[in-house]
């Protein structure tokens, strides 16, 4: 049976992931303002938008989300390990 401290990791990691998702969204909005020349992010269903713009926005959003998620997950695991001297995995 896992240690109680390890069992507490999952809810804390979930909360951090939600916060990371919000952070990633905010970072993407700021990056898109600059890359997209202050135009709103193109929606895939909007056929008046160019396919190139839609795909660039999606790739950029995925890249930012992936980097932020990995950073938050890694930071949570390292912080947990420092406090409890146990691996969360």
N, C-alpha and C. Protein backbone atom coordinates (compact mmCIF):
# COMPACT_ATOMS: atom_id res chain seq x y z
N UNK A 1 0.84 -1.18 0.00
CA UNK A 1 0.00 0.00 0.00
C UNK A 1 0.89 1.24 0.00
N UNK A 2 0.58 2.22 -0.87
CA UNK A 2 1.42 3.41 -0.94
C UNK A 2 1.35 4.24 0.34
N UNK A 3 2.44 4.92 0.57
CA UNK A 3 2.56 5.83 1.70
C UNK A 3 1.52 6.97 1.56
N UNK A 4 1.04 7.51 2.69
CA UNK A 4 0.04 8.58 2.66
C UNK A 4 0.55 9.81 1.93
N UNK A 5 1.85 10.11 2.07
CA UNK A 5 2.39 11.29 1.39
C UNK A 5 2.37 11.10 -0.13
N UNK A 6 2.61 9.87 -0.58
CA UNK A 6 2.58 9.59 -2.01
C UNK A 6 1.13 9.68 -2.51
N UNK A 7 0.17 9.25 -1.70
CA UNK A 7 -1.24 9.33 -2.08
C UNK A 7 -1.70 10.79 -2.19
N UNK A 8 -1.09 11.69 -1.44
CA UNK A 8 -1.45 13.11 -1.50
C UNK A 8 -0.86 13.79 -2.73
N UNK A 9 0.10 13.14 -3.36
CA UNK A 9 0.73 13.73 -4.53
C UNK A 9 -0.25 13.91 -5.68
N UNK A 10 -1.10 12.92 -5.91
CA UNK A 10 -2.01 12.98 -7.06
C UNK A 10 -2.93 14.20 -7.03
N UNK A 11 -3.63 14.49 -5.92
CA UNK A 11 -4.47 15.70 -5.94
C UNK A 11 -3.66 16.99 -6.08
N UNK A 12 -2.49 17.03 -5.49
CA UNK A 12 -1.65 18.22 -5.63
C UNK A 12 -1.16 18.38 -7.07
N UNK A 13 -0.79 17.28 -7.69
CA UNK A 13 -0.34 17.32 -9.08
C UNK A 13 -1.49 17.71 -10.00
N UNK A 14 -2.70 17.26 -9.70
CA UNK A 14 -3.86 17.62 -10.50
C UNK A 14 -4.12 19.13 -10.42
N UNK A 15 -4.06 19.67 -9.21
CA UNK A 15 -4.26 21.12 -9.03
C UNK A 15 -3.17 21.91 -9.76
N UNK A 16 -1.94 21.43 -9.69
CA UNK A 16 -0.84 22.11 -10.39
C UNK A 16 -1.04 22.02 -11.90
N UNK A 17 -1.56 20.91 -12.38
CA UNK A 17 -1.80 20.76 -13.82
C UNK A 17 -2.86 21.74 -14.31
N UNK A 18 -3.90 21.93 -13.51
CA UNK A 18 -4.94 22.89 -13.88
C UNK A 18 -4.33 24.30 -13.94
N UNK A 19 -3.55 24.64 -12.93
CA UNK A 19 -2.87 25.93 -12.93
C UNK A 19 -1.92 26.07 -14.11
N UNK A 20 -1.23 24.99 -14.44
CA UNK A 20 -0.33 25.00 -15.59
C UNK A 20 -1.08 25.20 -16.89
N UNK A 21 -2.26 24.60 -17.00
CA UNK A 21 -3.08 24.78 -18.20
C UNK A 21 -3.52 26.23 -18.36
N UNK A 22 -3.89 26.86 -17.25
CA UNK A 22 -4.26 28.28 -17.28
C UNK A 22 -3.06 29.14 -17.67
N UNK A 23 -1.91 28.81 -17.11
CA UNK A 23 -0.69 29.54 -17.44
C UNK A 23 -0.34 29.37 -18.91
N UNK A 24 -0.45 28.15 -19.41
CA UNK A 24 -0.14 27.89 -20.82
C UNK A 24 -1.07 28.67 -21.73
N UNK A 25 -2.35 28.75 -21.37
CA UNK A 25 -3.30 29.54 -22.16
C UNK A 25 -2.93 31.00 -22.20
N UNK A 26 -2.54 31.54 -21.05
CA UNK A 26 -2.15 32.95 -20.98
C UNK A 26 -0.88 33.21 -21.78
N UNK A 27 0.08 32.30 -21.68
CA UNK A 27 1.33 32.45 -22.44
C UNK A 27 1.03 32.40 -23.93
N UNK A 28 0.18 31.45 -24.35
CA UNK A 28 -0.16 31.35 -25.77
C UNK A 28 -0.81 32.63 -26.26
N UNK A 29 -1.74 33.18 -25.49
CA UNK A 29 -2.41 34.42 -25.91
C UNK A 29 -1.39 35.54 -26.14
N UNK A 30 -0.42 35.67 -25.26
CA UNK A 30 0.59 36.71 -25.40
C UNK A 30 1.48 36.46 -26.62
N UNK A 31 1.88 35.21 -26.82
CA UNK A 31 2.73 34.87 -27.97
C UNK A 31 1.94 35.09 -29.26
N UNK A 32 0.67 34.67 -29.28
CA UNK A 32 -0.12 34.81 -30.50
C UNK A 32 -0.35 36.28 -30.84
N UNK A 33 -0.48 37.13 -29.83
CA UNK A 33 -0.63 38.57 -30.10
C UNK A 33 0.53 39.08 -30.95
N UNK A 34 1.72 38.61 -30.64
CA UNK A 34 2.90 39.06 -31.37
C UNK A 34 3.04 38.34 -32.72
N UNK A 35 2.88 37.04 -32.71
CA UNK A 35 3.04 36.27 -33.94
C UNK A 35 1.88 36.53 -34.89
N UNK A 36 0.69 36.63 -34.36
CA UNK A 36 -0.50 36.81 -35.20
C UNK A 36 -0.81 38.26 -35.51
N UNK A 37 0.11 39.15 -35.19
CA UNK A 37 -0.04 40.59 -35.47
C UNK A 37 -1.36 41.14 -34.92
N UNK A 38 -1.63 40.82 -33.66
CA UNK A 38 -2.81 41.29 -32.93
C UNK A 38 -4.14 40.81 -33.50
N UNK A 39 -4.12 39.82 -34.39
CA UNK A 39 -5.37 39.23 -34.87
C UNK A 39 -5.79 38.14 -33.89
N UNK A 40 -7.09 37.86 -33.78
CA UNK A 40 -7.51 36.76 -32.90
C UNK A 40 -7.02 35.42 -33.44
N UNK A 41 -6.87 34.48 -32.55
CA UNK A 41 -6.42 33.14 -32.94
C UNK A 41 -7.43 32.56 -33.94
N UNK A 42 -6.95 32.04 -35.06
CA UNK A 42 -7.87 31.47 -36.05
C UNK A 42 -8.50 30.17 -35.54
N UNK A 43 -9.78 30.03 -35.73
CA UNK A 43 -10.49 28.82 -35.33
C UNK A 43 -10.51 27.85 -36.51
N UNK A 44 -10.29 26.58 -36.27
CA UNK A 44 -10.25 25.60 -37.36
C UNK A 44 -11.54 25.53 -38.19
N UNK A 45 -12.68 25.80 -37.58
CA UNK A 45 -13.95 25.71 -38.30
C UNK A 45 -14.23 26.93 -39.16
N UNK A 46 -13.50 28.01 -38.94
CA UNK A 46 -13.71 29.25 -39.70
C UNK A 46 -12.99 29.13 -41.04
N UNK A 47 -13.76 28.86 -42.09
CA UNK A 47 -13.17 28.63 -43.40
C UNK A 47 -12.66 29.89 -44.07
N UNK A 48 -12.92 31.05 -43.47
CA UNK A 48 -12.37 32.28 -44.03
C UNK A 48 -10.91 32.47 -43.62
N UNK A 49 -10.45 31.70 -42.65
CA UNK A 49 -9.05 31.76 -42.20
C UNK A 49 -8.21 30.85 -43.09
N UNK A 50 -6.96 31.23 -43.27
CA UNK A 50 -6.09 30.38 -44.08
C UNK A 50 -5.71 29.12 -43.29
N UNK A 51 -5.56 28.04 -44.03
CA UNK A 51 -5.17 26.78 -43.41
C UNK A 51 -3.81 26.93 -42.74
N UNK A 52 -2.92 27.66 -43.37
CA UNK A 52 -1.59 27.88 -42.80
C UNK A 52 -1.69 28.53 -41.43
N UNK A 53 -2.50 29.60 -41.30
CA UNK A 53 -2.63 30.28 -40.01
C UNK A 53 -3.22 29.37 -38.94
N UNK A 54 -4.22 28.58 -39.33
CA UNK A 54 -4.85 27.65 -38.39
C UNK A 54 -3.84 26.63 -37.89
N UNK A 55 -3.05 26.07 -38.81
CA UNK A 55 -2.08 25.05 -38.43
C UNK A 55 -0.92 25.63 -37.62
N UNK A 56 -0.47 26.81 -37.97
CA UNK A 56 0.60 27.46 -37.20
C UNK A 56 0.12 27.74 -35.78
N UNK A 57 -1.10 28.25 -35.64
CA UNK A 57 -1.64 28.54 -34.31
C UNK A 57 -1.78 27.26 -33.49
N UNK A 58 -2.26 26.19 -34.11
CA UNK A 58 -2.43 24.92 -33.40
C UNK A 58 -1.07 24.34 -32.97
N UNK A 59 -0.09 24.41 -33.86
CA UNK A 59 1.24 23.89 -33.53
C UNK A 59 1.87 24.70 -32.40
N UNK A 60 1.74 26.00 -32.46
CA UNK A 60 2.29 26.87 -31.43
C UNK A 60 1.60 26.63 -30.08
N UNK A 61 0.29 26.49 -30.13
CA UNK A 61 -0.46 26.24 -28.90
C UNK A 61 -0.06 24.89 -28.30
N UNK A 62 0.09 23.86 -29.13
CA UNK A 62 0.51 22.55 -28.64
C UNK A 62 1.92 22.57 -28.06
N UNK A 63 2.82 23.29 -28.71
CA UNK A 63 4.19 23.40 -28.23
C UNK A 63 4.23 24.07 -26.86
N UNK A 64 3.53 25.18 -26.74
CA UNK A 64 3.52 25.91 -25.46
C UNK A 64 2.88 25.07 -24.38
N UNK A 65 1.74 24.44 -24.68
CA UNK A 65 1.07 23.62 -23.68
C UNK A 65 1.98 22.46 -23.23
N UNK A 66 2.62 21.80 -24.18
CA UNK A 66 3.50 20.68 -23.84
C UNK A 66 4.68 21.10 -22.97
N UNK A 67 5.29 22.22 -23.31
CA UNK A 67 6.42 22.72 -22.52
C UNK A 67 5.99 23.10 -21.10
N UNK A 68 4.88 23.82 -20.99
CA UNK A 68 4.41 24.23 -19.66
C UNK A 68 4.01 23.01 -18.85
N UNK A 69 3.31 22.06 -19.45
CA UNK A 69 2.88 20.86 -18.73
C UNK A 69 4.08 20.07 -18.23
N UNK A 70 5.07 19.86 -19.09
CA UNK A 70 6.26 19.12 -18.68
C UNK A 70 7.00 19.86 -17.56
N UNK A 71 7.09 21.18 -17.67
CA UNK A 71 7.75 21.96 -16.64
C UNK A 71 7.02 21.90 -15.30
N UNK A 72 5.71 22.02 -15.34
CA UNK A 72 4.91 21.95 -14.10
C UNK A 72 4.99 20.56 -13.49
N UNK A 73 4.84 19.52 -14.31
CA UNK A 73 4.90 18.14 -13.80
C UNK A 73 6.27 17.84 -13.20
N UNK A 74 7.32 18.27 -13.89
CA UNK A 74 8.68 18.03 -13.40
C UNK A 74 8.94 18.79 -12.10
N UNK A 75 8.49 20.05 -12.07
CA UNK A 75 8.66 20.85 -10.87
C UNK A 75 7.91 20.28 -9.68
N UNK A 76 6.70 19.80 -9.91
CA UNK A 76 5.93 19.18 -8.83
C UNK A 76 6.64 17.92 -8.31
N UNK A 77 7.12 17.10 -9.22
CA UNK A 77 7.79 15.86 -8.81
C UNK A 77 9.06 16.17 -8.01
N UNK A 78 9.84 17.14 -8.47
CA UNK A 78 11.07 17.49 -7.75
C UNK A 78 10.76 18.10 -6.39
N UNK A 79 9.76 18.97 -6.34
CA UNK A 79 9.39 19.58 -5.06
C UNK A 79 8.89 18.53 -4.08
N UNK A 80 8.05 17.63 -4.56
CA UNK A 80 7.54 16.54 -3.71
C UNK A 80 8.69 15.70 -3.18
N UNK A 81 9.63 15.38 -4.06
CA UNK A 81 10.76 14.56 -3.65
C UNK A 81 11.62 15.26 -2.61
N UNK A 82 11.80 16.58 -2.77
CA UNK A 82 12.61 17.33 -1.78
C UNK A 82 11.95 17.33 -0.41
N UNK A 83 10.63 17.48 -0.40
CA UNK A 83 9.92 17.56 0.88
C UNK A 83 9.81 16.20 1.55
N UNK A 84 9.47 15.16 0.78
CA UNK A 84 9.19 13.85 1.37
C UNK A 84 10.35 12.87 1.27
N UNK A 85 11.34 13.17 0.46
CA UNK A 85 12.47 12.27 0.20
C UNK A 85 12.00 10.96 -0.41
N UNK A 86 10.90 11.04 -1.18
CA UNK A 86 10.35 9.87 -1.87
C UNK A 86 10.02 10.28 -3.30
N UNK A 87 10.04 9.30 -4.18
CA UNK A 87 9.67 9.55 -5.55
C UNK A 87 8.15 9.46 -5.69
N UNK A 88 7.51 10.38 -6.42
CA UNK A 88 6.07 10.28 -6.57
C UNK A 88 5.64 9.17 -7.53
N UNK A 89 6.55 8.65 -8.29
CA UNK A 89 6.22 7.59 -9.27
C UNK A 89 6.10 6.24 -8.61
